[in-house]
Amino acid sequence: MPAGDSKRIRVLALGAHPDDIEAGCGGTLTKYARSGHRIFLMVLTEGERGGGRGIRKREQLRAAKSLHAEKIYWGGYPDTEVPTDQGLIRKIERVVYEVDPHFIFVHYHDDTHQDHRHIALSTITATRYTKNVLFYEGPTTQNFSPTVFVDINTVLEDKIEALRAHASQVKKTNIEGLTIIDIIRSSAHFRGIQGRVKNAEGFLPLRLFINIGS
């Protein structure tokens, strides 16, 4: 590890498709990056069913720059065909081993999209030796009652900017008159109210260590 890196936190965020990470924890990642910490992404598919493989991959690369991510690890799975098998667990394990993250963020496992469910369940196994693993929510998450909150009021517009990088997806909500930007703003405000701040992201921990002292 290079000199000066010992105090830098390594954060790994996993998503099934381009834009999942930005929607779920983009504000938190931005706060980590602004504080000088290191951000890594793992995206399992290129989201080709939602707008073309090349288009969405380019959008994810632009969004990663907004988040100041050092590297994107691509899973190489077809959109909607993320499995639940040892192969996926091993892929995630290899990334976890390389990054050696202090914190991991991933989809919550109760979700109407099978890709989201499968990455969440596989991550539970693949991160069994990682101390801090937290689940984030997205527009298709169900039964999500967060107990950990991050105030993102000062970085909400940065999160929105990262989402706008996914231009092909902004209007694809299946809710008339609402864009993904509208939904994410509403969610941030709602979770903020729950956390007693103006805007927040909410998480459910699989494990969360609270360090006291040195």
N, C-alpha and C. Protein backbone atom coordinates (compact mmCIF):
# COMPACT_ATOMS: atom_id res chain seq x y z
N MET A 1 0.85 -1.19 0.00
CA MET A 1 0.00 0.00 0.00
C MET A 1 0.89 1.25 0.00
N PRO A 2 0.63 2.21 -0.92
CA PRO A 2 1.46 3.40 -0.99
C PRO A 2 1.43 4.20 0.31
N ALA A 3 2.51 4.91 0.58
CA ALA A 3 2.56 5.76 1.78
C ALA A 3 1.44 6.78 1.73
N GLY A 4 0.79 6.98 2.86
CA GLY A 4 -0.31 7.93 2.93
C GLY A 4 -1.66 7.30 2.68
N ASP A 5 -1.68 6.03 2.20
CA ASP A 5 -2.95 5.36 1.93
C ASP A 5 -3.52 4.66 3.16
N SER A 6 -2.73 4.55 4.22
CA SER A 6 -3.17 3.75 5.36
C SER A 6 -4.42 4.30 6.01
N LYS A 7 -4.66 5.61 5.88
CA LYS A 7 -5.85 6.21 6.49
C LYS A 7 -6.98 6.41 5.49
N ARG A 8 -6.76 5.99 4.25
CA ARG A 8 -7.80 6.13 3.23
C ARG A 8 -8.69 4.89 3.23
N ILE A 9 -9.98 5.12 3.33
CA ILE A 9 -10.94 4.02 3.35
C ILE A 9 -11.19 3.57 1.91
N ARG A 10 -11.22 2.25 1.71
CA ARG A 10 -11.56 1.68 0.41
C ARG A 10 -13.02 1.24 0.44
N VAL A 11 -13.77 1.74 -0.52
CA VAL A 11 -15.21 1.47 -0.59
C VAL A 11 -15.52 0.77 -1.90
N LEU A 12 -16.23 -0.35 -1.82
CA LEU A 12 -16.65 -1.09 -3.00
C LEU A 12 -18.16 -1.10 -3.07
N ALA A 13 -18.71 -0.62 -4.19
CA ALA A 13 -20.15 -0.64 -4.42
C ALA A 13 -20.46 -1.57 -5.57
N LEU A 14 -21.44 -2.44 -5.37
CA LEU A 14 -21.82 -3.41 -6.39
C LEU A 14 -23.23 -3.13 -6.89
N GLY A 15 -23.42 -3.26 -8.20
CA GLY A 15 -24.73 -3.08 -8.81
C GLY A 15 -24.93 -4.05 -9.94
N ALA A 16 -26.18 -4.40 -10.20
CA ALA A 16 -26.48 -5.33 -11.28
C ALA A 16 -26.39 -4.66 -12.65
N HIS A 17 -26.77 -3.38 -12.72
CA HIS A 17 -26.84 -2.67 -14.00
C HIS A 17 -26.21 -1.28 -13.87
N PRO A 18 -25.82 -0.69 -14.99
CA PRO A 18 -25.44 0.72 -14.97
C PRO A 18 -26.60 1.55 -14.39
N ASP A 19 -26.30 2.45 -13.53
CA ASP A 19 -27.16 3.40 -12.80
C ASP A 19 -27.67 2.89 -11.46
N ASP A 20 -27.58 1.57 -11.18
CA ASP A 20 -28.05 1.05 -9.89
C ASP A 20 -27.27 1.64 -8.73
N ILE A 21 -25.96 1.69 -8.86
CA ILE A 21 -25.11 2.18 -7.77
C ILE A 21 -25.38 3.66 -7.52
N GLU A 22 -25.47 4.43 -8.59
CA GLU A 22 -25.69 5.88 -8.43
C GLU A 22 -27.01 6.14 -7.72
N ALA A 23 -28.05 5.38 -8.09
CA ALA A 23 -29.36 5.57 -7.46
C ALA A 23 -29.34 5.14 -6.01
N GLY A 24 -28.62 4.05 -5.71
CA GLY A 24 -28.68 3.50 -4.36
C GLY A 24 -27.77 4.15 -3.35
N CYS A 25 -26.55 4.49 -3.77
CA CYS A 25 -25.59 5.03 -2.78
C CYS A 25 -24.68 6.08 -3.38
N GLY A 26 -25.09 6.73 -4.46
CA GLY A 26 -24.25 7.72 -5.11
C GLY A 26 -23.86 8.89 -4.22
N GLY A 27 -24.75 9.30 -3.35
CA GLY A 27 -24.43 10.40 -2.45
C GLY A 27 -23.38 10.01 -1.42
N THR A 28 -23.52 8.82 -0.87
CA THR A 28 -22.56 8.33 0.12
C THR A 28 -21.18 8.16 -0.51
N LEU A 29 -21.13 7.60 -1.72
CA LEU A 29 -19.85 7.45 -2.40
C LEU A 29 -19.20 8.79 -2.67
N THR A 30 -20.02 9.77 -3.05
CA THR A 30 -19.49 11.11 -3.30
C THR A 30 -18.87 11.70 -2.03
N LYS A 31 -19.53 11.50 -0.89
CA LYS A 31 -18.98 12.02 0.37
C LYS A 31 -17.65 11.34 0.72
N TYR A 32 -17.59 10.04 0.51
CA TYR A 32 -16.32 9.35 0.72
C TYR A 32 -15.23 9.91 -0.19
N ALA A 33 -15.55 10.07 -1.46
CA ALA A 33 -14.55 10.56 -2.42
C ALA A 33 -14.09 11.96 -2.07
N ARG A 34 -15.01 12.82 -1.68
CA ARG A 34 -14.66 14.20 -1.31
C ARG A 34 -13.74 14.24 -0.09
N SER A 35 -13.83 13.21 0.74
CA SER A 35 -12.99 13.15 1.94
C SER A 35 -11.66 12.47 1.65
N GLY A 36 -11.39 12.17 0.38
CA GLY A 36 -10.11 11.61 0.00
C GLY A 36 -10.03 10.11 0.01
N HIS A 37 -11.17 9.43 0.15
CA HIS A 37 -11.16 7.98 0.20
C HIS A 37 -11.30 7.38 -1.20
N ARG A 38 -11.13 6.08 -1.31
CA ARG A 38 -11.01 5.41 -2.60
C ARG A 38 -12.29 4.65 -2.94
N ILE A 39 -12.78 4.85 -4.16
CA ILE A 39 -14.05 4.28 -4.59
C ILE A 39 -13.82 3.29 -5.72
N PHE A 40 -14.45 2.11 -5.59
CA PHE A 40 -14.39 1.08 -6.62
C PHE A 40 -15.82 0.60 -6.90
N LEU A 41 -16.08 0.27 -8.16
CA LEU A 41 -17.41 -0.18 -8.55
C LEU A 41 -17.31 -1.57 -9.19
N MET A 42 -18.34 -2.38 -8.97
CA MET A 42 -18.50 -3.63 -9.71
C MET A 42 -19.91 -3.65 -10.29
N VAL A 43 -20.00 -3.73 -11.62
CA VAL A 43 -21.28 -3.71 -12.33
C VAL A 43 -21.39 -5.02 -13.10
N LEU A 44 -22.41 -5.81 -12.81
CA LEU A 44 -22.46 -7.17 -13.33
C LEU A 44 -22.90 -7.28 -14.77
N THR A 45 -23.72 -6.35 -15.27
CA THR A 45 -24.16 -6.40 -16.66
C THR A 45 -23.95 -5.02 -17.28
N GLU A 46 -24.10 -4.97 -18.61
CA GLU A 46 -24.03 -3.68 -19.30
C GLU A 46 -25.42 -3.11 -19.57
N GLY A 47 -26.45 -3.74 -19.01
CA GLY A 47 -27.80 -3.20 -19.10
C GLY A 47 -28.34 -3.09 -20.50
N GLU A 48 -27.97 -4.03 -21.37
CA GLU A 48 -28.29 -3.88 -22.79
C GLU A 48 -29.78 -3.94 -23.09
N ARG A 49 -30.56 -4.58 -22.24
CA ARG A 49 -32.01 -4.64 -22.48
C ARG A 49 -32.67 -3.28 -22.24
N GLY A 50 -31.97 -2.41 -21.56
CA GLY A 50 -32.54 -1.10 -21.25
C GLY A 50 -32.07 0.02 -22.15
N GLY A 51 -31.31 -0.30 -23.21
CA GLY A 51 -30.90 0.80 -24.07
C GLY A 51 -29.69 0.53 -24.93
N GLY A 52 -29.25 -0.69 -25.00
CA GLY A 52 -28.10 -0.99 -25.85
C GLY A 52 -26.83 -1.08 -25.04
N ARG A 53 -26.08 -2.14 -25.28
CA ARG A 53 -24.88 -2.42 -24.48
C ARG A 53 -23.87 -1.29 -24.54
N GLY A 54 -23.54 -0.83 -25.73
CA GLY A 54 -22.53 0.21 -25.84
C GLY A 54 -22.95 1.51 -25.20
N ILE A 55 -24.23 1.86 -25.37
CA ILE A 55 -24.74 3.12 -24.81
C ILE A 55 -24.63 3.12 -23.30
N ARG A 56 -25.13 2.09 -22.67
CA ARG A 56 -25.19 2.08 -21.21
C ARG A 56 -23.81 1.91 -20.58
N LYS A 57 -22.93 1.20 -21.26
CA LYS A 57 -21.57 1.09 -20.72
C LYS A 57 -20.87 2.44 -20.75
N ARG A 58 -21.05 3.18 -21.84
CA ARG A 58 -20.46 4.53 -21.90
C ARG A 58 -21.05 5.44 -20.83
N GLU A 59 -22.34 5.31 -20.61
CA GLU A 59 -22.98 6.13 -19.57
C GLU A 59 -22.40 5.79 -18.20
N GLN A 60 -22.18 4.50 -17.94
CA GLN A 60 -21.62 4.11 -16.65
C GLN A 60 -20.20 4.64 -16.47
N LEU A 61 -19.43 4.65 -17.52
CA LEU A 61 -18.07 5.19 -17.44
C LEU A 61 -18.09 6.67 -17.10
N ARG A 62 -19.04 7.42 -17.69
CA ARG A 62 -19.17 8.85 -17.37
C ARG A 62 -19.60 9.04 -15.93
N ALA A 63 -20.56 8.24 -15.49
CA ALA A 63 -21.04 8.36 -14.11
C ALA A 63 -19.93 8.03 -13.12
N ALA A 64 -19.10 7.05 -13.44
CA ALA A 64 -18.01 6.67 -12.55
C ALA A 64 -17.04 7.83 -12.35
N LYS A 65 -16.83 8.61 -13.40
CA LYS A 65 -15.98 9.79 -13.26
C LYS A 65 -16.60 10.79 -12.30
N SER A 66 -17.92 10.95 -12.36
CA SER A 66 -18.61 11.86 -11.43
C SER A 66 -18.43 11.41 -9.99
N LEU A 67 -18.38 10.09 -9.80
CA LEU A 67 -18.22 9.54 -8.45
C LEU A 67 -16.75 9.45 -8.03
N HIS A 68 -15.82 9.80 -8.95
CA HIS A 68 -14.38 9.71 -8.70
C HIS A 68 -13.96 8.27 -8.40
N ALA A 69 -14.61 7.32 -9.07
CA ALA A 69 -14.26 5.91 -8.89
C ALA A 69 -12.94 5.61 -9.59
N GLU A 70 -12.09 4.84 -8.93
CA GLU A 70 -10.80 4.47 -9.51
C GLU A 70 -10.92 3.41 -10.60
N LYS A 71 -11.88 2.50 -10.42
CA LYS A 71 -11.97 1.37 -11.35
C LYS A 71 -13.37 0.80 -11.34
N ILE A 72 -13.81 0.34 -12.50
CA ILE A 72 -15.05 -0.43 -12.62
C ILE A 72 -14.68 -1.87 -12.96
N TYR A 73 -15.19 -2.80 -12.19
CA TYR A 73 -15.06 -4.22 -12.50
C TYR A 73 -16.37 -4.66 -13.16
N TRP A 74 -16.28 -5.16 -14.38
CA TRP A 74 -17.47 -5.59 -15.11
C TRP A 74 -17.67 -7.09 -14.92
N GLY A 75 -18.92 -7.48 -14.63
CA GLY A 75 -19.21 -8.89 -14.40
C GLY A 75 -19.32 -9.70 -15.66
N GLY A 76 -19.77 -9.07 -16.76
CA GLY A 76 -19.87 -9.77 -18.04
C GLY A 76 -21.11 -10.61 -18.22
N TYR A 77 -22.12 -10.43 -17.37
CA TYR A 77 -23.35 -11.21 -17.51
C TYR A 77 -24.34 -10.51 -18.43
N PRO A 78 -25.18 -11.28 -19.15
CA PRO A 78 -26.26 -10.67 -19.93
C PRO A 78 -27.29 -10.03 -18.99
N ASP A 79 -27.83 -8.92 -19.41
CA ASP A 79 -28.87 -8.23 -18.65
C ASP A 79 -30.06 -9.17 -18.45
N THR A 80 -30.57 -9.22 -17.21
CA THR A 80 -31.68 -10.08 -16.74
C THR A 80 -31.27 -11.53 -16.53
N GLU A 81 -29.98 -11.86 -16.73
CA GLU A 81 -29.56 -13.26 -16.59
C GLU A 81 -28.44 -13.43 -15.56
N VAL A 82 -28.40 -12.55 -14.57
CA VAL A 82 -27.43 -12.72 -13.48
C VAL A 82 -27.83 -13.95 -12.68
N PRO A 83 -26.95 -14.93 -12.53
CA PRO A 83 -27.32 -16.19 -11.87
C PRO A 83 -27.12 -16.12 -10.35
N THR A 84 -27.53 -17.18 -9.71
CA THR A 84 -27.12 -17.40 -8.32
C THR A 84 -26.37 -18.72 -8.30
N ASP A 85 -25.07 -18.64 -8.46
CA ASP A 85 -24.25 -19.85 -8.50
C ASP A 85 -22.86 -19.55 -7.97
N GLN A 86 -22.06 -20.59 -7.90
CA GLN A 86 -20.71 -20.42 -7.37
C GLN A 86 -19.86 -19.53 -8.25
N GLY A 87 -20.14 -19.51 -9.56
CA GLY A 87 -19.37 -18.66 -10.46
C GLY A 87 -19.50 -17.20 -10.09
N LEU A 88 -20.71 -16.74 -9.80
CA LEU A 88 -20.91 -15.34 -9.41
C LEU A 88 -20.25 -15.06 -8.07
N ILE A 89 -20.42 -15.98 -7.13
CA ILE A 89 -19.79 -15.79 -5.82
C ILE A 89 -18.28 -15.65 -5.97
N ARG A 90 -17.68 -16.49 -6.80
CA ARG A 90 -16.22 -16.43 -6.99
C ARG A 90 -15.80 -15.12 -7.65
N LYS A 91 -16.60 -14.63 -8.62
CA LYS A 91 -16.26 -13.35 -9.26
C LYS A 91 -16.26 -12.22 -8.24
N ILE A 92 -17.27 -12.20 -7.40
CA ILE A 92 -17.33 -11.15 -6.38
C ILE A 92 -16.19 -11.33 -5.38
N GLU A 93 -15.90 -12.56 -5.00
CA GLU A 93 -14.80 -12.81 -4.07
C GLU A 93 -13.48 -12.30 -4.61
N ARG A 94 -13.23 -12.49 -5.92
CA ARG A 94 -11.97 -12.04 -6.50
C ARG A 94 -11.85 -10.52 -6.43
N VAL A 95 -12.95 -9.81 -6.68
CA VAL A 95 -12.92 -8.35 -6.60
C VAL A 95 -12.72 -7.91 -5.15
N VAL A 96 -13.44 -8.56 -4.24
CA VAL A 96 -13.29 -8.23 -2.82
C VAL A 96 -11.85 -8.47 -2.37
N TYR A 97 -11.24 -9.56 -2.82
CA TYR A 97 -9.85 -9.85 -2.46
C TYR A 97 -8.91 -8.78 -3.00
N GLU A 98 -9.15 -8.34 -4.25
CA GLU A 98 -8.25 -7.34 -4.86
C GLU A 98 -8.40 -5.97 -4.21
N VAL A 99 -9.63 -5.55 -3.97
CA VAL A 99 -9.87 -4.22 -3.40
C VAL A 99 -9.63 -4.20 -1.90
N ASP A 100 -9.96 -5.30 -1.22
CA ASP A 100 -9.87 -5.39 0.24
C ASP A 100 -10.61 -4.21 0.89
N PRO A 101 -11.91 -4.09 0.62
CA PRO A 101 -12.64 -2.90 1.05
C PRO A 101 -12.93 -2.86 2.54
N HIS A 102 -13.00 -1.65 3.06
CA HIS A 102 -13.46 -1.44 4.43
C HIS A 102 -14.99 -1.44 4.48
N PHE A 103 -15.61 -0.96 3.41
CA PHE A 103 -17.07 -0.92 3.32
C PHE A 103 -17.53 -1.45 1.98
N ILE A 104 -18.63 -2.21 2.00
CA ILE A 104 -19.26 -2.69 0.78
C ILE A 104 -20.72 -2.28 0.78
N PHE A 105 -21.20 -1.80 -0.37
CA PHE A 105 -22.60 -1.44 -0.55
C PHE A 105 -23.15 -2.26 -1.71
N VAL A 106 -24.37 -2.79 -1.53
CA VAL A 106 -24.95 -3.66 -2.56
C VAL A 106 -26.48 -3.59 -2.47
N HIS A 107 -27.16 -4.04 -3.52
CA HIS A 107 -28.62 -4.13 -3.53
C HIS A 107 -29.15 -4.87 -2.30
N TYR A 108 -30.37 -4.53 -1.92
CA TYR A 108 -31.10 -5.30 -0.91
C TYR A 108 -31.74 -6.50 -1.60
N HIS A 109 -31.83 -7.62 -0.86
CA HIS A 109 -32.25 -8.88 -1.49
C HIS A 109 -33.74 -9.02 -1.72
N ASP A 110 -34.56 -8.17 -1.11
CA ASP A 110 -36.00 -8.21 -1.39
C ASP A 110 -36.28 -7.19 -2.49
N ASP A 111 -36.35 -7.65 -3.71
CA ASP A 111 -36.43 -6.77 -4.87
C ASP A 111 -37.18 -7.49 -5.98
N THR A 112 -37.97 -6.74 -6.75
CA THR A 112 -38.76 -7.37 -7.81
C THR A 112 -37.92 -7.73 -9.03
N HIS A 113 -36.69 -7.23 -9.13
CA HIS A 113 -35.83 -7.56 -10.26
C HIS A 113 -34.89 -8.69 -9.86
N GLN A 114 -34.91 -9.77 -10.64
CA GLN A 114 -34.14 -10.95 -10.27
C GLN A 114 -32.64 -10.69 -10.25
N ASP A 115 -32.13 -9.83 -11.12
CA ASP A 115 -30.69 -9.53 -11.10
C ASP A 115 -30.29 -8.91 -9.77
N HIS A 116 -31.14 -8.02 -9.26
CA HIS A 116 -30.85 -7.36 -7.99
C HIS A 116 -30.85 -8.38 -6.85
N ARG A 117 -31.86 -9.26 -6.85
CA ARG A 117 -31.92 -10.29 -5.80
C ARG A 117 -30.69 -11.18 -5.83
N HIS A 118 -30.30 -11.59 -7.03
CA HIS A 118 -29.23 -12.57 -7.14
C HIS A 118 -27.87 -12.00 -6.74
N ILE A 119 -27.60 -10.75 -7.11
CA ILE A 119 -26.32 -10.17 -6.69
C ILE A 119 -26.30 -9.97 -5.17
N ALA A 120 -27.44 -9.61 -4.60
CA ALA A 120 -27.49 -9.41 -3.15
C ALA A 120 -27.21 -10.72 -2.41
N LEU A 121 -27.87 -11.79 -2.83
CA LEU A 121 -27.69 -13.07 -2.15
C LEU A 121 -26.28 -13.61 -2.32
N SER A 122 -25.71 -13.45 -3.51
CA SER A 122 -24.34 -13.92 -3.74
C SER A 122 -23.34 -13.09 -2.95
N THR A 123 -23.60 -11.80 -2.80
CA THR A 123 -22.69 -10.93 -2.06
C THR A 123 -22.67 -11.29 -0.58
N ILE A 124 -23.79 -11.74 -0.05
CA ILE A 124 -23.82 -12.15 1.36
C ILE A 124 -22.76 -13.22 1.62
N THR A 125 -22.66 -14.18 0.70
CA THR A 125 -21.66 -15.24 0.85
C THR A 125 -20.26 -14.73 0.54
N ALA A 126 -20.12 -13.98 -0.55
CA ALA A 126 -18.79 -13.56 -1.01
C ALA A 126 -18.12 -12.57 -0.07
N THR A 127 -18.90 -11.89 0.77
CA THR A 127 -18.33 -10.87 1.66
C THR A 127 -18.34 -11.32 3.12
N ARG A 128 -18.32 -12.63 3.32
CA ARG A 128 -18.46 -13.14 4.69
C ARG A 128 -17.31 -12.75 5.60
N TYR A 129 -16.18 -12.31 5.04
CA TYR A 129 -15.05 -11.88 5.86
C TYR A 129 -14.86 -10.36 5.86
N THR A 130 -15.80 -9.63 5.26
CA THR A 130 -15.74 -8.16 5.24
C THR A 130 -16.53 -7.62 6.42
N LYS A 131 -15.95 -6.69 7.14
CA LYS A 131 -16.58 -6.24 8.38
C LYS A 131 -17.86 -5.44 8.14
N ASN A 132 -17.83 -4.51 7.18
CA ASN A 132 -18.95 -3.60 6.99
C ASN A 132 -19.61 -3.82 5.63
N VAL A 133 -20.82 -4.38 5.66
CA VAL A 133 -21.57 -4.66 4.44
C VAL A 133 -22.97 -4.10 4.64
N LEU A 134 -23.37 -3.20 3.74
CA LEU A 134 -24.66 -2.54 3.87
C LEU A 134 -25.46 -2.67 2.58
N PHE A 135 -26.76 -2.87 2.73
CA PHE A 135 -27.66 -2.94 1.60
C PHE A 135 -28.25 -1.57 1.29
N TYR A 136 -28.33 -1.23 0.00
CA TYR A 136 -29.00 0.01 -0.42
C TYR A 136 -30.30 -0.31 -1.13
N GLU A 137 -31.12 0.70 -1.33
CA GLU A 137 -32.41 0.52 -2.00
C GLU A 137 -32.39 1.15 -3.38
N GLY A 138 -33.33 0.70 -4.20
CA GLY A 138 -33.56 1.27 -5.52
C GLY A 138 -35.04 1.33 -5.79
N PRO A 139 -35.45 1.80 -6.96
CA PRO A 139 -36.88 1.94 -7.25
C PRO A 139 -37.68 0.64 -7.22
N THR A 140 -37.00 -0.53 -7.36
CA THR A 140 -37.72 -1.80 -7.35
C THR A 140 -37.56 -2.57 -6.04
N THR A 141 -36.93 -1.95 -5.05
CA THR A 141 -36.74 -2.60 -3.75
C THR A 141 -38.06 -2.68 -3.00
N GLN A 142 -38.24 -3.75 -2.24
CA GLN A 142 -39.44 -3.94 -1.43
C GLN A 142 -39.07 -4.08 0.05
N ASN A 143 -40.03 -3.70 0.91
CA ASN A 143 -39.93 -3.97 2.34
C ASN A 143 -38.60 -3.52 2.93
N PHE A 144 -38.21 -2.31 2.60
CA PHE A 144 -36.91 -1.78 3.02
C PHE A 144 -37.13 -0.77 4.14
N SER A 145 -36.61 -1.08 5.32
CA SER A 145 -36.74 -0.19 6.48
C SER A 145 -35.34 0.12 7.01
N PRO A 146 -34.71 1.17 6.50
CA PRO A 146 -33.31 1.43 6.85
C PRO A 146 -33.12 1.80 8.31
N THR A 147 -31.99 1.39 8.83
CA THR A 147 -31.62 1.73 10.21
C THR A 147 -30.33 2.52 10.28
N VAL A 148 -29.67 2.70 9.14
CA VAL A 148 -28.45 3.50 9.05
C VAL A 148 -28.70 4.57 7.99
N PHE A 149 -28.34 5.81 8.31
CA PHE A 149 -28.59 6.92 7.40
C PHE A 149 -27.31 7.73 7.18
N VAL A 150 -27.16 8.23 5.96
CA VAL A 150 -26.06 9.13 5.63
C VAL A 150 -26.67 10.43 5.10
N ASP A 151 -26.32 11.53 5.74
CA ASP A 151 -26.80 12.85 5.31
C ASP A 151 -26.14 13.20 3.98
N ILE A 152 -26.93 13.35 2.93
CA ILE A 152 -26.37 13.66 1.61
C ILE A 152 -26.82 15.03 1.11
N ASN A 153 -27.28 15.88 2.01
CA ASN A 153 -27.83 17.16 1.56
C ASN A 153 -26.81 17.98 0.78
N THR A 154 -25.55 17.97 1.22
CA THR A 154 -24.54 18.79 0.56
C THR A 154 -24.06 18.19 -0.76
N VAL A 155 -24.39 16.92 -1.00
CA VAL A 155 -23.92 16.26 -2.24
C VAL A 155 -25.07 15.75 -3.08
N LEU A 156 -26.31 16.14 -2.75
CA LEU A 156 -27.45 15.63 -3.51
C LEU A 156 -27.34 15.98 -4.99
N GLU A 157 -26.91 17.21 -5.29
CA GLU A 157 -26.80 17.60 -6.70
C GLU A 157 -25.69 16.84 -7.41
N ASP A 158 -24.65 16.44 -6.68
CA ASP A 158 -23.60 15.60 -7.28
C ASP A 158 -24.17 14.21 -7.61
N LYS A 159 -25.01 13.69 -6.72
CA LYS A 159 -25.66 12.41 -6.99
C LYS A 159 -26.55 12.52 -8.22
N ILE A 160 -27.30 13.61 -8.31
CA ILE A 160 -28.17 13.83 -9.47
C ILE A 160 -27.34 13.94 -10.75
N GLU A 161 -26.21 14.61 -10.67
CA GLU A 161 -25.33 14.74 -11.85
C GLU A 161 -24.87 13.36 -12.32
N ALA A 162 -24.50 12.48 -11.37
CA ALA A 162 -24.08 11.13 -11.74
C ALA A 162 -25.21 10.36 -12.38
N LEU A 163 -26.43 10.55 -11.90
CA LEU A 163 -27.59 9.90 -12.50
C LEU A 163 -27.89 10.43 -13.89
N ARG A 164 -27.69 11.72 -14.08
CA ARG A 164 -27.94 12.30 -15.41
C ARG A 164 -26.98 11.75 -16.45
N ALA A 165 -25.84 11.23 -16.02
CA ALA A 165 -24.91 10.60 -16.96
C ALA A 165 -25.57 9.40 -17.64
N HIS A 166 -26.55 8.81 -16.97
CA HIS A 166 -27.31 7.69 -17.54
C HIS A 166 -28.51 8.24 -18.31
N ALA A 167 -28.22 9.03 -19.31
CA ALA A 167 -29.27 9.79 -20.01
C ALA A 167 -30.34 8.89 -20.63
N SER A 168 -29.97 7.71 -21.09
CA SER A 168 -30.94 6.83 -21.74
C SER A 168 -31.97 6.27 -20.76
N GLN A 169 -31.71 6.40 -19.46
CA GLN A 169 -32.58 5.80 -18.45
C GLN A 169 -33.43 6.80 -17.67
N VAL A 170 -33.15 8.07 -17.82
CA VAL A 170 -33.76 9.07 -16.94
C VAL A 170 -35.28 9.03 -16.99
N LYS A 171 -35.86 8.81 -18.15
CA LYS A 171 -37.32 8.84 -18.28
C LYS A 171 -37.96 7.46 -18.22
N LYS A 172 -37.16 6.42 -18.01
CA LYS A 172 -37.68 5.05 -18.04
C LYS A 172 -38.08 4.59 -16.63
N THR A 173 -39.17 5.14 -16.15
CA THR A 173 -39.64 4.80 -14.80
C THR A 173 -40.95 4.04 -14.80
N ASN A 174 -41.67 4.03 -15.92
CA ASN A 174 -43.02 3.45 -15.99
C ASN A 174 -44.00 4.15 -15.06
N ILE A 175 -43.66 5.37 -14.67
CA ILE A 175 -44.57 6.19 -13.87
C ILE A 175 -44.78 7.50 -14.62
N GLU A 176 -45.98 7.73 -15.06
CA GLU A 176 -46.25 8.87 -15.92
C GLU A 176 -45.89 10.19 -15.24
N GLY A 177 -45.10 10.99 -15.94
CA GLY A 177 -44.76 12.32 -15.45
C GLY A 177 -43.62 12.37 -14.46
N LEU A 178 -43.01 11.22 -14.15
CA LEU A 178 -41.91 11.20 -13.18
C LEU A 178 -40.66 10.62 -13.83
N THR A 179 -39.56 11.31 -13.68
CA THR A 179 -38.27 10.78 -14.13
C THR A 179 -37.56 10.11 -12.96
N ILE A 180 -36.47 9.44 -13.26
CA ILE A 180 -35.68 8.83 -12.19
C ILE A 180 -35.12 9.92 -11.27
N ILE A 181 -34.88 11.10 -11.82
CA ILE A 181 -34.39 12.22 -10.99
C ILE A 181 -35.45 12.60 -9.97
N ASP A 182 -36.72 12.67 -10.41
CA ASP A 182 -37.81 12.99 -9.48
C ASP A 182 -37.90 11.95 -8.37
N ILE A 183 -37.79 10.69 -8.75
CA ILE A 183 -37.92 9.60 -7.76
C ILE A 183 -36.78 9.66 -6.75
N ILE A 184 -35.57 9.89 -7.23
CA ILE A 184 -34.41 9.90 -6.32
C ILE A 184 -34.46 11.11 -5.39
N ARG A 185 -34.90 12.25 -5.90
CA ARG A 185 -35.07 13.43 -5.03
C ARG A 185 -36.11 13.14 -3.94
N SER A 186 -37.21 12.53 -4.32
CA SER A 186 -38.27 12.23 -3.35
C SER A 186 -37.77 11.24 -2.30
N SER A 187 -37.04 10.22 -2.76
CA SER A 187 -36.51 9.23 -1.83
C SER A 187 -35.52 9.86 -0.86
N ALA A 188 -34.65 10.74 -1.38
CA ALA A 188 -33.67 11.40 -0.52
C ALA A 188 -34.35 12.25 0.55
N HIS A 189 -35.42 12.91 0.16
CA HIS A 189 -36.13 13.75 1.12
C HIS A 189 -36.84 12.88 2.16
N PHE A 190 -37.47 11.80 1.70
CA PHE A 190 -38.19 10.91 2.62
C PHE A 190 -37.23 10.26 3.61
N ARG A 191 -36.12 9.73 3.12
CA ARG A 191 -35.15 9.12 4.04
C ARG A 191 -34.52 10.19 4.94
N GLY A 192 -34.39 11.40 4.43
CA GLY A 192 -33.89 12.48 5.27
C GLY A 192 -34.82 12.76 6.43
N ILE A 193 -36.12 12.80 6.16
CA ILE A 193 -37.09 13.01 7.23
C ILE A 193 -36.99 11.90 8.27
N GLN A 194 -36.84 10.66 7.81
CA GLN A 194 -36.69 9.56 8.75
C GLN A 194 -35.43 9.71 9.61
N GLY A 195 -34.37 10.21 8.99
CA GLY A 195 -33.10 10.37 9.70
C GLY A 195 -32.94 11.72 10.36
N ARG A 196 -33.98 12.56 10.28
CA ARG A 196 -34.01 13.88 10.92
C ARG A 196 -33.02 14.86 10.28
N VAL A 197 -32.86 14.74 8.96
CA VAL A 197 -32.09 15.71 8.18
C VAL A 197 -32.89 16.02 6.93
N LYS A 198 -32.37 16.91 6.08
CA LYS A 198 -33.14 17.32 4.91
C LYS A 198 -33.14 16.24 3.82
N ASN A 199 -31.97 15.68 3.52
CA ASN A 199 -31.85 14.65 2.49
C ASN A 199 -30.87 13.58 2.95
N ALA A 200 -31.22 12.33 2.73
CA ALA A 200 -30.36 11.23 3.20
C ALA A 200 -30.49 10.02 2.29
N GLU A 201 -29.52 9.14 2.41
CA GLU A 201 -29.62 7.78 1.88
C GLU A 201 -29.75 6.84 3.07
N GLY A 202 -30.60 5.83 2.91
CA GLY A 202 -30.80 4.87 3.98
C GLY A 202 -30.23 3.51 3.63
N PHE A 203 -29.74 2.80 4.64
CA PHE A 203 -29.12 1.50 4.43
C PHE A 203 -29.57 0.52 5.52
N LEU A 204 -29.54 -0.75 5.16
CA LEU A 204 -29.73 -1.82 6.12
C LEU A 204 -28.42 -2.60 6.22
N PRO A 205 -27.85 -2.70 7.39
CA PRO A 205 -26.56 -3.39 7.50
C PRO A 205 -26.71 -4.90 7.58
N LEU A 206 -25.88 -5.60 6.81
CA LEU A 206 -25.67 -7.03 7.06
C LEU A 206 -24.75 -7.16 8.26
N ARG A 207 -23.69 -6.34 8.25
CA ARG A 207 -22.79 -6.17 9.39
C ARG A 207 -22.31 -4.74 9.41
N LEU A 208 -22.17 -4.20 10.59
CA LEU A 208 -21.64 -2.84 10.73
C LEU A 208 -20.88 -2.75 12.04
N PHE A 209 -19.59 -2.51 11.95
CA PHE A 209 -18.75 -2.40 13.12
C PHE A 209 -18.63 -0.94 13.54
N ILE A 210 -18.80 -0.68 14.81
CA ILE A 210 -18.59 0.66 15.38
C ILE A 210 -17.28 0.62 16.16
N ASN A 211 -16.29 1.34 15.66
CA ASN A 211 -14.98 1.33 16.29
C ASN A 211 -14.89 2.37 17.40
N ILE A 212 -14.41 1.94 18.54
CA ILE A 212 -14.27 2.82 19.70
C ILE A 212 -12.79 2.84 20.09
N GLY A 213 -12.22 4.02 20.19
CA GLY A 213 -10.82 4.13 20.55
C GLY A 213 -9.94 3.82 19.36
N SER A 214 -8.68 3.48 19.64
CA SER A 214 -7.71 3.24 18.58
C SER A 214 -7.85 1.84 17.99
